[in-house]
PDB file of all heavy atoms in Angstrom:
ATOM      1  N   GLY A   1     -44.534 266.124 132.645  1.00  0.00           N
ATOM      2  CA  GLY A   1     -44.181 267.493 132.991  1.00  0.00           C
ATOM      3  C   GLY A   1     -42.874 267.985 132.425  1.00  0.00           C
ATOM      4  O   GLY A   1     -42.255 268.908 132.981  1.00  0.00           O
ATOM      5  N   GLY A   2     -42.423 267.411 131.299  1.00  0.00           N
ATOM      6  CA  GLY A   2     -41.153 267.823 130.728  1.00  0.00           C
ATOM      7  C   GLY A   2     -41.293 269.001 129.771  1.00  0.00           C
ATOM      8  O   GLY A   2     -42.400 269.379 129.380  1.00  0.00           O
ATOM      9  N   THR A   3     -40.162 269.569 129.411  1.00  0.00           N
ATOM     10  CA  THR A   3     -40.132 270.671 128.447  1.00  0.00           C
ATOM     11  C   THR A   3     -39.286 270.323 127.228  1.00  0.00           C
ATOM     12  O   THR A   3     -38.885 271.204 126.472  1.00  0.00           O
ATOM     13  CB  THR A   3     -39.595 271.942 129.112  1.00  0.00           C
ATOM     14  OG1 THR A   3     -38.256 271.688 129.584  1.00  0.00           O
ATOM     15  CG2 THR A   3     -40.480 272.396 130.259  1.00  0.00           C
ATOM     16  N   THR A   4     -39.015 269.036 127.040  1.00  0.00           N
ATOM     17  CA  THR A   4     -38.182 268.608 125.934  1.00  0.00           C
ATOM     18  C   THR A   4     -38.834 268.952 124.595  1.00  0.00           C
ATOM     19  O   THR A   4     -40.011 268.656 124.384  1.00  0.00           O
ATOM     20  CB  THR A   4     -37.953 267.085 125.997  1.00  0.00           C
ATOM     21  OG1 THR A   4     -37.424 266.747 127.272  1.00  0.00           O
ATOM     22  CG2 THR A   4     -36.992 266.637 124.914  1.00  0.00           C
ATOM     23  N   GLU A   5     -38.074 269.551 123.701  1.00  0.00           N
ATOM     24  CA  GLU A   5     -38.569 269.821 122.351  1.00  0.00           C
ATOM     25  C   GLU A   5     -38.353 268.578 121.495  1.00  0.00           C
ATOM     26  O   GLU A   5     -37.249 268.054 121.396  1.00  0.00           O
ATOM     27  CB  GLU A   5     -37.812 271.006 121.740  1.00  0.00           C
ATOM     28  CG  GLU A   5     -38.235 271.275 120.293  1.00  0.00           C
ATOM     29  CD  GLU A   5     -37.340 272.260 119.583  1.00  0.00           C
ATOM     30  OE1 GLU A   5     -36.418 272.810 120.238  1.00  0.00           O
ATOM     31  OE2 GLU A   5     -37.544 272.477 118.367  1.00  0.00           O
ATOM     32  N   LEU A   6     -39.421 268.098 120.870  1.00  0.00           N
ATOM     33  CA  LEU A   6     -39.330 266.971 119.953  1.00  0.00           C
ATOM     34  C   LEU A   6     -38.906 267.485 118.578  1.00  0.00           C
ATOM     35  O   LEU A   6     -39.593 268.317 117.977  1.00  0.00           O
ATOM     36  CB  LEU A   6     -40.672 266.255 119.845  1.00  0.00           C
ATOM     37  CG  LEU A   6     -41.096 265.463 121.072  1.00  0.00           C
ATOM     38  CD1 LEU A   6     -42.583 265.123 121.013  1.00  0.00           C
ATOM     39  CD2 LEU A   6     -40.279 264.177 121.195  1.00  0.00           C
ATOM     40  N   VAL A   7     -37.764 267.015 118.100  1.00  0.00           N
ATOM     41  CA  VAL A   7     -37.264 267.404 116.785  1.00  0.00           C
ATOM     42  C   VAL A   7     -37.504 266.239 115.842  1.00  0.00           C
ATOM     43  O   VAL A   7     -36.824 265.206 115.925  1.00  0.00           O
ATOM     44  CB  VAL A   7     -35.780 267.768 116.842  1.00  0.00           C
ATOM     45  CG1 VAL A   7     -35.285 268.194 115.471  1.00  0.00           C
ATOM     46  CG2 VAL A   7     -35.527 268.853 117.882  1.00  0.00           C
ATOM     47  N   TRP A   8     -38.473 266.389 114.951  1.00  0.00           N
ATOM     48  CA  TRP A   8     -38.874 265.290 114.071  1.00  0.00           C
ATOM     49  C   TRP A   8     -37.936 265.225 112.859  1.00  0.00           C
ATOM     50  O   TRP A   8     -37.920 266.105 112.019  1.00  0.00           O
ATOM     51  CB  TRP A   8     -40.322 265.471 113.640  1.00  0.00           C
ATOM     52  CG  TRP A   8     -41.270 265.346 114.796  1.00  0.00           C
ATOM     53  CD1 TRP A   8     -41.697 266.351 115.607  1.00  0.00           C
ATOM     54  CD2 TRP A   8     -41.844 264.145 115.287  1.00  0.00           C
ATOM     55  NE1 TRP A   8     -42.534 265.851 116.591  1.00  0.00           N
ATOM     56  CE2 TRP A   8     -42.633 264.494 116.405  1.00  0.00           C
ATOM     57  CE3 TRP A   8     -41.779 262.804 114.898  1.00  0.00           C
ATOM     58  CZ2 TRP A   8     -43.355 263.554 117.145  1.00  0.00           C
ATOM     59  CZ3 TRP A   8     -42.500 261.861 115.623  1.00  0.00           C
ATOM     60  CH2 TRP A   8     -43.275 262.236 116.729  1.00  0.00           C
ATOM     61  N   LEU A   9     -37.148 264.159 112.791  1.00  0.00           N
ATOM     62  CA  LEU A   9     -36.169 263.980 111.731  1.00  0.00           C
ATOM     63  C   LEU A   9     -36.655 262.949 110.719  1.00  0.00           C
ATOM     64  O   LEU A   9     -37.216 261.914 111.083  1.00  0.00           O
ATOM     65  CB  LEU A   9     -34.820 263.526 112.310  1.00  0.00           C
ATOM     66  CG  LEU A   9     -34.165 264.495 113.294  1.00  0.00           C
ATOM     67  CD1 LEU A   9     -32.788 263.971 113.697  1.00  0.00           C
ATOM     68  CD2 LEU A   9     -34.038 265.888 112.696  1.00  0.00           C
ATOM     69  N   ASP A  10     -36.413 263.229 109.451  1.00  0.00           N
ATOM     70  CA  ASP A  10     -36.826 262.363 108.365  1.00  0.00           C
ATOM     71  C   ASP A  10     -36.176 260.984 108.500  1.00  0.00           C
ATOM     72  O   ASP A  10     -34.981 260.889 108.834  1.00  0.00           O
ATOM     73  CB  ASP A  10     -36.444 263.000 107.030  1.00  0.00           C
ATOM     74  CG  ASP A  10     -36.871 262.163 105.849  1.00  0.00           C
ATOM     75  OD1 ASP A  10     -38.064 262.185 105.514  1.00  0.00           O
ATOM     76  OD2 ASP A  10     -36.002 261.469 105.292  1.00  0.00           O
ATOM     77  N   GLU A  11     -36.947 259.936 108.216  1.00  0.00           N
ATOM     78  CA  GLU A  11     -36.399 258.597 108.417  1.00  0.00           C
ATOM     79  C   GLU A  11     -35.275 258.275 107.431  1.00  0.00           C
ATOM     80  O   GLU A  11     -34.372 257.485 107.772  1.00  0.00           O
ATOM     81  CB  GLU A  11     -37.510 257.545 108.345  1.00  0.00           C
ATOM     82  CG  GLU A  11     -38.199 257.396 107.034  1.00  0.00           C
ATOM     83  CD  GLU A  11     -39.322 256.363 107.115  1.00  0.00           C
ATOM     84  OE1 GLU A  11     -39.883 256.142 108.206  1.00  0.00           O
ATOM     85  OE2 GLU A  11     -39.622 255.767 106.076  1.00  0.00           O
ATOM     86  N   THR A  12     -35.274 258.881 106.255  1.00  0.00           N
ATOM     87  CA  THR A  12     -34.153 258.683 105.335  1.00  0.00           C
ATOM     88  C   THR A  12     -32.861 259.199 105.951  1.00  0.00           C
ATOM     89  O   THR A  12     -31.803 258.540 105.876  1.00  0.00           O
ATOM     90  CB  THR A  12     -34.422 259.388 103.995  1.00  0.00           C
ATOM     91  OG1 THR A  12     -35.615 258.851 103.417  1.00  0.00           O
ATOM     92  CG2 THR A  12     -33.255 259.198 103.044  1.00  0.00           C
ATOM     93  N   PHE A  13     -32.925 260.362 106.578  1.00  0.00           N
ATOM     94  CA  PHE A  13     -31.754 260.912 107.260  1.00  0.00           C
ATOM     95  C   PHE A  13     -31.302 259.991 108.395  1.00  0.00           C
ATOM     96  O   PHE A  13     -30.108 259.712 108.556  1.00  0.00           O
ATOM     97  CB  PHE A  13     -32.076 262.300 107.814  1.00  0.00           C
ATOM     98  CG  PHE A  13     -31.031 262.853 108.742  1.00  0.00           C
ATOM     99  CD1 PHE A  13     -29.864 263.385 108.259  1.00  0.00           C
ATOM    100  CD2 PHE A  13     -31.238 262.819 110.124  1.00  0.00           C
ATOM    101  CE1 PHE A  13     -28.886 263.890 109.126  1.00  0.00           C
ATOM    102  CE2 PHE A  13     -30.288 263.321 110.997  1.00  0.00           C
ATOM    103  CZ  PHE A  13     -29.102 263.847 110.484  1.00  0.00           C
ATOM    104  N   LEU A  14     -32.246 259.495 109.164  1.00  0.00           N
ATOM    105  CA  LEU A  14     -31.913 258.603 110.281  1.00  0.00           C
ATOM    106  C   LEU A  14     -31.245 257.330 109.770  1.00  0.00           C
ATOM    107  O   LEU A  14     -30.284 256.839 110.374  1.00  0.00           O
ATOM    108  CB  LEU A  14     -33.163 258.276 111.091  1.00  0.00           C
ATOM    109  CG  LEU A  14     -33.796 259.446 111.830  1.00  0.00           C
ATOM    110  CD1 LEU A  14     -35.142 259.042 112.419  1.00  0.00           C
ATOM    111  CD2 LEU A  14     -32.879 259.955 112.942  1.00  0.00           C
ATOM    112  N   GLN A  15     -31.752 256.799 108.670  1.00  0.00           N
ATOM    113  CA  GLN A  15     -31.140 255.597 108.101  1.00  0.00           C
ATOM    114  C   GLN A  15     -29.748 255.879 107.582  1.00  0.00           C
ATOM    115  O   GLN A  15     -28.834 255.070 107.754  1.00  0.00           O
ATOM    116  CB  GLN A  15     -32.052 255.039 106.998  1.00  0.00           C
ATOM    117  CG  GLN A  15     -33.354 254.446 107.526  1.00  0.00           C
ATOM    118  CD  GLN A  15     -34.352 254.147 106.432  1.00  0.00           C
ATOM    119  OE1 GLN A  15     -34.447 254.871 105.428  1.00  0.00           O
ATOM    120  NE2 GLN A  15     -35.110 253.066 106.595  1.00  0.00           N
ATOM    121  N   GLU A  16     -29.561 257.044 106.959  1.00  0.00           N
ATOM    122  CA  GLU A  16     -28.225 257.414 106.466  1.00  0.00           C
ATOM    123  C   GLU A  16     -27.227 257.544 107.616  1.00  0.00           C
ATOM    124  O   GLU A  16     -26.036 257.285 107.449  1.00  0.00           O
ATOM    125  CB  GLU A  16     -28.312 258.730 105.699  1.00  0.00           C
ATOM    126  CG  GLU A  16     -29.034 258.617 104.365  1.00  0.00           C
ATOM    127  CD  GLU A  16     -29.268 259.979 103.722  1.00  0.00           C
ATOM    128  OE1 GLU A  16     -29.062 261.010 104.436  1.00  0.00           O
ATOM    129  OE2 GLU A  16     -29.653 260.027 102.543  1.00  0.00           O
ATOM    130  N   GLN A  17     -27.719 257.929 108.787  1.00  0.00           N
ATOM    131  CA  GLN A  17     -26.865 258.065 109.975  1.00  0.00           C
ATOM    132  C   GLN A  17     -26.642 256.737 110.696  1.00  0.00           C
ATOM    133  O   GLN A  17     -25.940 256.686 111.697  1.00  0.00           O
ATOM    134  CB  GLN A  17     -27.484 259.082 110.944  1.00  0.00           C
ATOM    135  CG  GLN A  17     -27.598 260.485 110.369  1.00  0.00           C
ATOM    136  CD  GLN A  17     -26.258 261.095 110.028  1.00  0.00           C
ATOM    137  OE1 GLN A  17     -25.314 261.037 110.818  1.00  0.00           O
ATOM    138  NE2 GLN A  17     -26.151 261.664 108.813  1.00  0.00           N
ATOM    139  N   GLY A  18     -27.273 255.677 110.177  1.00  0.00           N
ATOM    140  CA  GLY A  18     -27.068 254.353 110.762  1.00  0.00           C
ATOM    141  C   GLY A  18     -27.797 254.129 112.078  1.00  0.00           C
ATOM    142  O   GLY A  18     -27.369 253.279 112.879  1.00  0.00           O
ATOM    143  N   ILE A  19     -28.888 254.822 112.302  1.00  0.00           N
ATOM    144  CA  ILE A  19     -29.626 254.667 113.558  1.00  0.00           C
ATOM    145  C   ILE A  19     -30.386 253.343 113.563  1.00  0.00           C
ATOM    146  O   ILE A  19     -31.060 252.995 112.602  1.00  0.00           O
ATOM    147  CB  ILE A  19     -30.611 255.847 113.761  1.00  0.00           C
ATOM    148  CG1 ILE A  19     -29.831 257.157 113.829  1.00  0.00           C
ATOM    149  CG2 ILE A  19     -31.457 255.642 115.012  1.00  0.00           C
ATOM    150  CD1 ILE A  19     -28.838 257.215 114.962  1.00  0.00           C
ATOM    151  N   GLY A  20     -30.256 252.619 114.644  1.00  0.00           N
ATOM    152  CA  GLY A  20     -30.949 251.344 114.764  1.00  0.00           C
ATOM    153  C   GLY A  20     -32.423 251.529 115.061  1.00  0.00           C
ATOM    154  O   GLY A  20     -32.798 252.368 115.879  1.00  0.00           O
ATOM    155  N   GLU A  21     -33.254 250.738 114.415  1.00  0.00           N
ATOM    156  CA  GLU A  21     -34.703 250.851 114.594  1.00  0.00           C
ATOM    157  C   GLU A  21     -35.179 250.126 115.850  1.00  0.00           C
ATOM    158  O   GLU A  21     -34.497 249.255 116.390  1.00  0.00           O
ATOM    159  CB  GLU A  21     -35.436 250.282 113.371  1.00  0.00           C
ATOM    160  CG  GLU A  21     -35.185 248.791 113.158  1.00  0.00           C
ATOM    161  CD  GLU A  21     -35.885 248.261 111.926  1.00  0.00           C
ATOM    162  OE1 GLU A  21     -35.904 248.970 110.891  1.00  0.00           O
ATOM    163  OE2 GLU A  21     -36.413 247.137 111.986  1.00  0.00           O
ATOM    164  N   TRP A  22     -36.319 250.537 116.338  1.00  0.00           N
ATOM    165  CA  TRP A  22     -37.090 249.865 117.391  1.00  0.00           C
ATOM    166  C   TRP A  22     -36.472 249.969 118.776  1.00  0.00           C
ATOM    167  O   TRP A  22     -37.156 250.180 119.757  1.00  0.00           O
ATOM    168  CB  TRP A  22     -37.359 248.408 117.029  1.00  0.00           C
ATOM    169  CG  TRP A  22     -38.578 247.807 117.646  1.00  0.00           C
ATOM    170  CD1 TRP A  22     -38.650 246.659 118.394  1.00  0.00           C
ATOM    171  CD2 TRP A  22     -39.923 248.305 117.567  1.00  0.00           C
ATOM    172  NE1 TRP A  22     -39.950 246.404 118.787  1.00  0.00           N
ATOM    173  CE2 TRP A  22     -40.750 247.414 118.289  1.00  0.00           C
ATOM    174  CE3 TRP A  22     -40.498 249.428 116.975  1.00  0.00           C
ATOM    175  CZ2 TRP A  22     -42.118 247.600 118.416  1.00  0.00           C
ATOM    176  CZ3 TRP A  22     -41.873 249.622 117.099  1.00  0.00           C
ATOM    177  CH2 TRP A  22     -42.662 248.703 117.817  1.00  0.00           C
ATOM    178  N   TYR A  23     -35.134 249.833 118.864  1.00  0.00           N
ATOM    179  CA  TYR A  23     -34.495 249.910 120.177  1.00  0.00           C
ATOM    180  C   TYR A  23     -33.579 251.113 120.309  1.00  0.00           C
ATOM    181  O   TYR A  23     -33.698 251.877 121.269  1.00  0.00           O
ATOM    182  CB  TYR A  23     -33.739 248.608 120.503  1.00  0.00           C
ATOM    183  CG  TYR A  23     -34.656 247.529 121.016  1.00  0.00           C
ATOM    184  CD1 TYR A  23     -35.192 246.581 120.162  1.00  0.00           C
ATOM    185  CD2 TYR A  23     -35.018 247.482 122.355  1.00  0.00           C
ATOM    186  CE1 TYR A  23     -36.060 245.607 120.625  1.00  0.00           C
ATOM    187  CE2 TYR A  23     -35.876 246.504 122.839  1.00  0.00           C
ATOM    188  CZ  TYR A  23     -36.403 245.574 121.965  1.00  0.00           C
ATOM    189  OH  TYR A  23     -37.277 244.623 122.437  1.00  0.00           O
ATOM    190  N   GLU A  24     -32.626 251.299 119.388  1.00  0.00           N
ATOM    191  CA  GLU A  24     -31.745 252.464 119.553  1.00  0.00           C
ATOM    192  C   GLU A  24     -32.581 253.751 119.530  1.00  0.00           C
ATOM    193  O   GLU A  24     -32.372 254.639 120.366  1.00  0.00           O
ATOM    194  CB  GLU A  24     -30.666 252.533 118.484  1.00  0.00           C
ATOM    195  CG  GLU A  24     -29.705 253.697 118.743  1.00  0.00           C
ATOM    196  CD  GLU A  24     -28.579 253.825 117.738  1.00  0.00           C
ATOM    197  OE1 GLU A  24     -28.663 253.197 116.668  1.00  0.00           O
ATOM    198  OE2 GLU A  24     -27.611 254.552 118.023  1.00  0.00           O
ATOM    199  N   LEU A  25     -33.492 253.845 118.567  1.00  0.00           N
ATOM    200  CA  LEU A  25     -34.488 254.927 118.587  1.00  0.00           C
ATOM    201  C   LEU A  25     -35.815 254.243 118.864  1.00  0.00           C
ATOM    202  O   LEU A  25     -36.474 253.744 117.962  1.00  0.00           O
ATOM    203  CB  LEU A  25     -34.509 255.688 117.262  1.00  0.00           C
ATOM    204  CG  LEU A  25     -35.431 256.906 117.199  1.00  0.00           C
ATOM    205  CD1 LEU A  25     -35.228 257.821 118.413  1.00  0.00           C
ATOM    206  CD2 LEU A  25     -35.218 257.677 115.918  1.00  0.00           C
ATOM    207  N   PRO A  26     -36.205 254.201 120.118  1.00  0.00           N
ATOM    208  CA  PRO A  26     -37.314 253.342 120.522  1.00  0.00           C
ATOM    209  C   PRO A  26     -38.626 253.640 119.787  1.00  0.00           C
ATOM    210  O   PRO A  26     -38.983 254.798 119.581  1.00  0.00           O
ATOM    211  CB  PRO A  26     -37.450 253.634 122.028  1.00  0.00           C
ATOM    212  CG  PRO A  26     -36.088 254.079 122.443  1.00  0.00           C
ATOM    213  CD  PRO A  26     -35.564 254.856 121.270  1.00  0.00           C
ATOM    214  N   LEU A  27     -39.283 252.545 119.388  1.00  0.00           N
ATOM    215  CA  LEU A  27     -40.597 252.570 118.728  1.00  0.00           C
ATOM    216  C   LEU A  27     -40.537 253.048 117.288  1.00  0.00           C
ATOM    217  O   LEU A  27     -41.580 253.235 116.651  1.00  0.00           O
ATOM    218  CB  LEU A  27     -41.615 253.409 119.518  1.00  0.00           C
ATOM    219  CG  LEU A  27     -41.803 253.027 120.993  1.00  0.00           C
ATOM    220  CD1 LEU A  27     -42.864 253.920 121.628  1.00  0.00           C
ATOM    221  CD2 LEU A  27     -42.183 251.552 121.140  1.00  0.00           C
ATOM    222  N   TRP A  28     -39.323 253.237 116.744  1.00  0.00           N
ATOM    223  CA  TRP A  28     -39.186 253.611 115.335  1.00  0.00           C
ATOM    224  C   TRP A  28     -39.071 252.345 114.502  1.00  0.00           C
ATOM    225  O   TRP A  28     -38.160 251.554 114.684  1.00  0.00           O
ATOM    226  CB  TRP A  28     -37.932 254.468 115.153  1.00  0.00           C
ATOM    227  CG  TRP A  28     -37.654 254.825 113.717  1.00  0.00           C
ATOM    228  CD1 TRP A  28     -38.533 255.300 112.795  1.00  0.00           C
ATOM    229  CD2 TRP A  28     -36.385 254.746 113.040  1.00  0.00           C
ATOM    230  NE1 TRP A  28     -37.913 255.508 111.586  1.00  0.00           N
ATOM    231  CE2 TRP A  28     -36.586 255.185 111.711  1.00  0.00           C
ATOM    232  CE3 TRP A  28     -35.117 254.349 113.440  1.00  0.00           C
ATOM    233  CZ2 TRP A  28     -35.558 255.234 110.772  1.00  0.00           C
ATOM    234  CZ3 TRP A  28     -34.089 254.394 112.515  1.00  0.00           C
ATOM    235  CH2 TRP A  28     -34.309 254.842 111.201  1.00  0.00           C
ATOM    236  N   LEU A  29     -40.014 252.164 113.575  1.00  0.00           N
ATOM    237  CA  LEU A  29     -40.055 250.972 112.748  1.00  0.00           C
ATOM    238  C   LEU A  29     -40.256 251.415 111.293  1.00  0.00           C
ATOM    239  O   LEU A  29     -41.372 251.442 110.787  1.00  0.00           O
ATOM    240  CB  LEU A  29     -41.203 250.065 113.190  1.00  0.00           C
ATOM    241  CG  LEU A  29     -41.163 248.588 112.771  1.00  0.00           C
ATOM    242  CD1 LEU A  29     -39.891 247.929 113.301  1.00  0.00           C
ATOM    243  CD2 LEU A  29     -42.379 247.866 113.313  1.00  0.00           C
ATOM    244  N   PRO A  30     -39.175 251.769 110.597  1.00  0.00           N
ATOM    245  CA  PRO A  30     -39.294 252.381 109.267  1.00  0.00           C
ATOM    246  C   PRO A  30     -39.597 251.414 108.134  1.00  0.00           C
ATOM    247  O   PRO A  30     -40.059 251.841 107.080  1.00  0.00           O
ATOM    248  CB  PRO A  30     -37.935 253.046 109.065  1.00  0.00           C
ATOM    249  CG  PRO A  30     -36.990 252.203 109.869  1.00  0.00           C
ATOM    250  CD  PRO A  30     -37.765 251.778 111.078  1.00  0.00           C
TER     251      PRO A  30
END
């Protein structure tokens, strides 16, 4: 029942920002 907007960000951008896979951004496995 949430209203959160999902903002889909490119994985190259996420990697450039140093985001950790699988746990920091859960279920992301690039």
